[in-house]
Amino acid sequence: MLKLRFYTLFLCLFVGQWLLGQSGVPATPAANSSDAEIRKNTEALVSKYSLNADQAKQMYHVQVRKNSQIAKLADLQSSDLALYQSKYSSLQKGTWAGIRRILNTKAQVDIYQKTQNEVQALRKAKRKELANQKTSKEAIEAAVLAISDAGPEAIRPL
């Protein structure tokens, strides 16, 4: 059964790649992330949410879009940190919305809600911890944004 799921995912991603060449979505991932990284993230989310082949294809598109947006924001990180943080926060929210639209079973939505609650709890705890240390507002926001949009199991530095 696991082999069948793997082959189905592989076939879906292959077809998705082919379709990307014919759609308005960029066929190449962002310069700062390899296709292998996007596939790895997609496979992790496919496994986490038990997605079917069509959902896996949609999840791949969400990951490609996310990584291309991150690449576009790279210059802002050093030039205008406040704008970067605002846009990155919007990007995270958009990615979560894209993921939520893909999910269509109660079990998938329950996992999504649990992950959202865990991320919110981690962010709240980080804000409180840093506020108690009298950390600057910008540093607090950077630390909160560093809590990955993939969920609490992975913390991604800015």
C-alpha atoms as a PDB file:
ATOM      1  CA  MET A   1       0.000   0.000   0.000  1.00  0.00           C
ATOM      2  CA  LEU A   2       2.838   2.352   0.864  1.00  0.00           C
ATOM      3  CA  LYS A   3       4.572   1.564  -2.433  1.00  0.00           C
ATOM      4  CA  LEU A   4       1.361   2.309  -4.313  1.00  0.00           C
ATOM      5  CA  ARG A   5       1.029   5.638  -2.514  1.00  0.00           C
ATOM      6  CA  PHE A   6       4.673   6.491  -3.313  1.00  0.00           C
ATOM      7  CA  TYR A   7       4.291   5.618  -6.987  1.00  0.00           C
ATOM      8  CA  THR A   8       1.058   7.571  -7.182  1.00  0.00           C
ATOM      9  CA  LEU A   9       2.773  10.587  -5.633  1.00  0.00           C
ATOM     10  CA  PHE A  10       5.703  10.249  -8.030  1.00  0.00           C
ATOM     11  CA  LEU A  11       3.355  10.003 -11.016  1.00  0.00           C
ATOM     12  CA  CYS A  12       1.364  12.981  -9.761  1.00  0.00           C
ATOM     13  CA  LEU A  13       4.473  15.095  -9.339  1.00  0.00           C
ATOM     14  CA  PHE A  14       5.710  14.073 -12.783  1.00  0.00           C
ATOM     15  CA  VAL A  15       2.386  15.032 -14.369  1.00  0.00           C
ATOM     16  CA  GLY A  16       2.377  18.210 -12.282  1.00  0.00           C
ATOM     17  CA  GLN A  17       5.785  19.142 -13.645  1.00  0.00           C
ATOM     18  CA  TRP A  18       4.544  18.567 -17.167  1.00  0.00           C
ATOM     19  CA  LEU A  19       1.447  20.674 -16.520  1.00  0.00           C
ATOM     20  CA  LEU A  20       3.517  23.450 -14.972  1.00  0.00           C
ATOM     21  CA  GLY A  21       5.205  23.910 -18.309  1.00  0.00           C
ATOM     22  CA  GLN A  22       1.810  24.621 -19.836  1.00  0.00           C
ATOM     23  CA  SER A  23       0.268  26.823 -17.150  1.00  0.00           C
ATOM     24  CA  GLY A  24       0.811  30.334 -15.856  1.00  0.00           C
ATOM     25  CA  VAL A  25       2.651  29.031 -12.786  1.00  0.00           C
ATOM     26  CA  PRO A  26       6.425  29.355 -13.129  1.00  0.00           C
ATOM     27  CA  ALA A  27       7.938  26.050 -14.214  1.00  0.00           C
ATOM     28  CA  THR A  28      11.188  26.640 -12.385  1.00  0.00           C
ATOM     29  CA  PRO A  29      11.334  26.963  -8.628  1.00  0.00           C
ATOM     30  CA  ALA A  30      12.836  29.970  -6.934  1.00  0.00           C
ATOM     31  CA  ALA A  31      16.568  30.438  -7.295  1.00  0.00           C
ATOM     32  CA  ASN A  32      17.262  30.011  -3.583  1.00  0.00           C
ATOM     33  CA  SER A  33      15.546  26.646  -3.271  1.00  0.00           C
ATOM     34  CA  SER A  34      16.083  23.564  -5.307  1.00  0.00           C
ATOM     35  CA  ASP A  35      13.408  21.455  -6.877  1.00  0.00           C
ATOM     36  CA  ALA A  36      14.495  18.675  -4.529  1.00  0.00           C
ATOM     37  CA  GLU A  37      13.741  20.886  -1.517  1.00  0.00           C
ATOM     38  CA  ILE A  38      10.306  21.747  -2.897  1.00  0.00           C
ATOM     39  CA  ARG A  39       9.602  18.074  -3.546  1.00  0.00           C
ATOM     40  CA  LYS A  40      10.793  17.170  -0.040  1.00  0.00           C
ATOM     41  CA  ASN A  41       8.496  19.788   1.512  1.00  0.00           C
ATOM     42  CA  THR A  42       5.630  18.621  -0.668  1.00  0.00           C
ATOM     43  CA  GLU A  43       6.183  14.973   0.246  1.00  0.00           C
ATOM     44  CA  ALA A  44       6.282  15.862   3.944  1.00  0.00           C
ATOM     45  CA  LEU A  45       2.954  17.682   3.643  1.00  0.00           C
ATOM     46  CA  VAL A  46       1.465  14.885   1.525  1.00  0.00           C
ATOM     47  CA  SER A  47       2.429  12.436   4.248  1.00  0.00           C
ATOM     48  CA  LYS A  48       1.280  14.701   7.088  1.00  0.00           C
ATOM     49  CA  TYR A  49      -2.170  15.322   5.627  1.00  0.00           C
ATOM     50  CA  SER A  50      -2.554  11.955   3.777  1.00  0.00           C
ATOM     51  CA  LEU A  51      -3.229  13.711   0.475  1.00  0.00           C
ATOM     52  CA  ASN A  52      -4.420  11.977  -2.671  1.00  0.00           C
ATOM     53  CA  ALA A  53      -2.697  12.408  -6.045  1.00  0.00           C
ATOM     54  CA  ASP A  54      -4.706  15.463  -7.105  1.00  0.00           C
ATOM     55  CA  GLN A  55      -4.157  17.138  -3.746  1.00  0.00           C
ATOM     56  CA  ALA A  56      -0.427  16.337  -3.942  1.00  0.00           C
ATOM     57  CA  LYS A  57      -0.237  18.110  -7.292  1.00  0.00           C
ATOM     58  CA  GLN A  58      -1.993  21.152  -5.840  1.00  0.00           C
ATOM     59  CA  MET A  59       0.319  21.100  -2.815  1.00  0.00           C
ATOM     60  CA  TYR A  60       3.325  21.097  -5.135  1.00  0.00           C
ATOM     61  CA  HIS A  61       1.958  24.217  -6.846  1.00  0.00           C
ATOM     62  CA  VAL A  62       1.521  25.913  -3.451  1.00  0.00           C
ATOM     63  CA  GLN A  63       5.134  25.097  -2.548  1.00  0.00           C
ATOM     64  CA  VAL A  64       6.482  26.377  -5.881  1.00  0.00           C
ATOM     65  CA  ARG A  65       4.523  29.615  -5.483  1.00  0.00           C
ATOM     66  CA  LYS A  66       5.703  30.021  -1.887  1.00  0.00           C
ATOM     67  CA  ASN A  67       9.353  29.546  -2.809  1.00  0.00           C
ATOM     68  CA  SER A  68       9.177  31.931  -5.742  1.00  0.00           C
ATOM     69  CA  GLN A  69       7.601  34.562  -3.468  1.00  0.00           C
ATOM     70  CA  ILE A  70      10.343  34.045  -0.871  1.00  0.00           C
ATOM     71  CA  ALA A  71      12.951  34.609  -3.582  1.00  0.00           C
ATOM     72  CA  LYS A  72      11.285  37.886  -4.533  1.00  0.00           C
ATOM     73  CA  LEU A  73      11.414  39.035  -0.896  1.00  0.00           C
ATOM     74  CA  ALA A  74      15.125  38.281  -0.399  1.00  0.00           C
ATOM     75  CA  ASP A  75      16.301  41.803  -1.258  1.00  0.00           C
ATOM     76  CA  LEU A  76      13.896  43.399   1.220  1.00  0.00           C
ATOM     77  CA  GLN A  77      15.333  41.452   4.124  1.00  0.00           C
ATOM     78  CA  SER A  78      18.485  43.553   4.148  1.00  0.00           C
ATOM     79  CA  SER A  79      17.069  46.848   2.880  1.00  0.00           C
ATOM     80  CA  ASP A  80      13.697  47.259   4.662  1.00  0.00           C
ATOM     81  CA  LEU A  81      13.210  44.765   7.478  1.00  0.00           C
ATOM     82  CA  ALA A  82       9.768  46.038   8.536  1.00  0.00           C
ATOM     83  CA  LEU A  83       8.399  45.726   4.995  1.00  0.00           C
ATOM     84  CA  TYR A  84      10.047  42.309   4.635  1.00  0.00           C
ATOM     85  CA  GLN A  85       8.433  41.073   7.851  1.00  0.00           C
ATOM     86  CA  SER A  86       5.040  42.369   6.774  1.00  0.00           C
ATOM     87  CA  LYS A  87       5.255  40.752   3.354  1.00  0.00           C
ATOM     88  CA  TYR A  88       6.652  37.495   4.763  1.00  0.00           C
ATOM     89  CA  SER A  89       3.792  37.352   7.262  1.00  0.00           C
ATOM     90  CA  SER A  90       1.320  37.824   4.411  1.00  0.00           C
ATOM     91  CA  LEU A  91       3.117  35.116   2.460  1.00  0.00           C
ATOM     92  CA  GLN A  92       2.797  32.701   5.380  1.00  0.00           C
ATOM     93  CA  LYS A  93      -0.922  33.455   5.706  1.00  0.00           C
ATOM     94  CA  GLY A  94      -1.410  32.980   1.969  1.00  0.00           C
ATOM     95  CA  THR A  95       0.438  29.680   2.049  1.00  0.00           C
ATOM     96  CA  TRP A  96      -1.705  28.458   4.931  1.00  0.00           C
ATOM     97  CA  ALA A  97      -4.838  29.528   3.048  1.00  0.00           C
ATOM     98  CA  GLY A  98      -3.638  27.638  -0.034  1.00  0.00           C
ATOM     99  CA  ILE A  99      -3.011  24.531   2.029  1.00  0.00           C
ATOM    100  CA  ARG A 100      -6.418  24.798   3.708  1.00  0.00           C
ATOM    101  CA  ARG A 101      -8.187  25.030   0.321  1.00  0.00           C
ATOM    102  CA  ILE A 102      -6.586  21.751  -0.732  1.00  0.00           C
ATOM    103  CA  LEU A 103      -7.843  19.810   2.285  1.00  0.00           C
ATOM    104  CA  ASN A 104     -11.250  18.233   1.899  1.00  0.00           C
ATOM    105  CA  THR A 105     -11.660  15.516   4.527  1.00  0.00           C
ATOM    106  CA  LYS A 106     -12.463  15.988   8.183  1.00  0.00           C
ATOM    107  CA  ALA A 107      -9.264  14.199   9.226  1.00  0.00           C
ATOM    108  CA  GLN A 108      -7.145  16.499   7.045  1.00  0.00           C
ATOM    109  CA  VAL A 109      -8.853  19.617   8.387  1.00  0.00           C
ATOM    110  CA  ASP A 110      -8.426  18.367  11.964  1.00  0.00           C
ATOM    111  CA  ILE A 111      -4.664  17.937  11.419  1.00  0.00           C
ATOM    112  CA  TYR A 112      -4.539  21.413   9.855  1.00  0.00           C
ATOM    113  CA  GLN A 113      -6.370  22.978  12.828  1.00  0.00           C
ATOM    114  CA  LYS A 114      -4.135  21.155  15.309  1.00  0.00           C
ATOM    115  CA  THR A 115      -1.052  22.427  13.486  1.00  0.00           C
ATOM    116  CA  GLN A 116      -2.425  25.976  13.402  1.00  0.00           C
ATOM    117  CA  ASN A 117      -3.098  25.851  17.149  1.00  0.00           C
ATOM    118  CA  GLU A 118       0.408  24.539  17.848  1.00  0.00           C
ATOM    119  CA  VAL A 119       2.026  27.243  15.716  1.00  0.00           C
ATOM    120  CA  GLN A 120      -0.043  29.944  17.420  1.00  0.00           C
ATOM    121  CA  ALA A 121       0.899  28.595  20.858  1.00  0.00           C
ATOM    122  CA  LEU A 122       4.598  28.533  19.924  1.00  0.00           C
ATOM    123  CA  ARG A 123       4.421  32.080  18.592  1.00  0.00           C
ATOM    124  CA  LYS A 124       2.589  33.315  21.677  1.00  0.00           C
ATOM    125  CA  ALA A 125       5.140  31.679  23.972  1.00  0.00           C
ATOM    126  CA  LYS A 126       8.035  33.150  21.959  1.00  0.00           C
ATOM    127  CA  ARG A 127       6.497  36.647  22.092  1.00  0.00           C
ATOM    128  CA  LYS A 128       5.992  36.380  25.832  1.00  0.00           C
ATOM    129  CA  GLU A 129       9.511  35.040  26.424  1.00  0.00           C
ATOM    130  CA  LEU A 130      11.167  37.784  24.388  1.00  0.00           C
ATOM    131  CA  ALA A 131       8.950  40.517  25.836  1.00  0.00           C
ATOM    132  CA  ASN A 132      10.001  39.448  29.324  1.00  0.00           C
ATOM    133  CA  GLN A 133      13.625  39.812  28.203  1.00  0.00           C
ATOM    134  CA  LYS A 134      12.869  43.374  27.016  1.00  0.00           C
ATOM    135  CA  THR A 135      13.747  42.491  23.420  1.00  0.00           C
ATOM    136  CA  SER A 136      13.030  45.025  20.680  1.00  0.00           C
ATOM    137  CA  LYS A 137       9.769  44.794  18.770  1.00  0.00           C
ATOM    138  CA  GLU A 138      11.615  44.089  15.509  1.00  0.00           C
ATOM    139  CA  ALA A 139      13.589  41.225  17.044  1.00  0.00           C
ATOM    140  CA  ILE A 140      10.407  39.752  18.522  1.00  0.00           C
ATOM    141  CA  GLU A 141       8.671  39.886  15.155  1.00  0.00           C
ATOM    142  CA  ALA A 142      11.673  38.274  13.440  1.00  0.00           C
ATOM    143  CA  ALA A 143      11.714  35.459  15.995  1.00  0.00           C
ATOM    144  CA  VAL A 144       7.975  34.892  15.650  1.00  0.00           C
ATOM    145  CA  LEU A 145       8.212  34.780  11.857  1.00  0.00           C
ATOM    146  CA  ALA A 146      11.055  32.281  12.166  1.00  0.00           C
ATOM    147  CA  ILE A 147       8.588  29.782  13.549  1.00  0.00           C
ATOM    148  CA  SER A 148       7.992  27.838  10.408  1.00  0.00           C
ATOM    149  CA  ASP A 149       4.790  27.892   8.462  1.00  0.00           C
ATOM    150  CA  ALA A 150       5.323  24.151   8.039  1.00  0.00           C
ATOM    151  CA  GLY A 151       4.329  23.705  11.657  1.00  0.00           C
ATOM    152  CA  PRO A 152       5.932  23.390  15.040  1.00  0.00           C
ATOM    153  CA  GLU A 153       8.060  20.388  14.064  1.00  0.00           C
ATOM    154  CA  ALA A 154      10.364  22.585  11.983  1.00  0.00           C
ATOM    155  CA  ILE A 155      11.706  25.987  12.973  1.00  0.00           C
ATOM    156  CA  ARG A 156      12.957  27.895   9.933  1.00  0.00           C
ATOM    157  CA  PRO A 157      15.384  30.771  10.468  1.00  0.00           C
ATOM    158  CA  LEU A 158      14.758  34.014   8.569  1.00  0.00           C
END
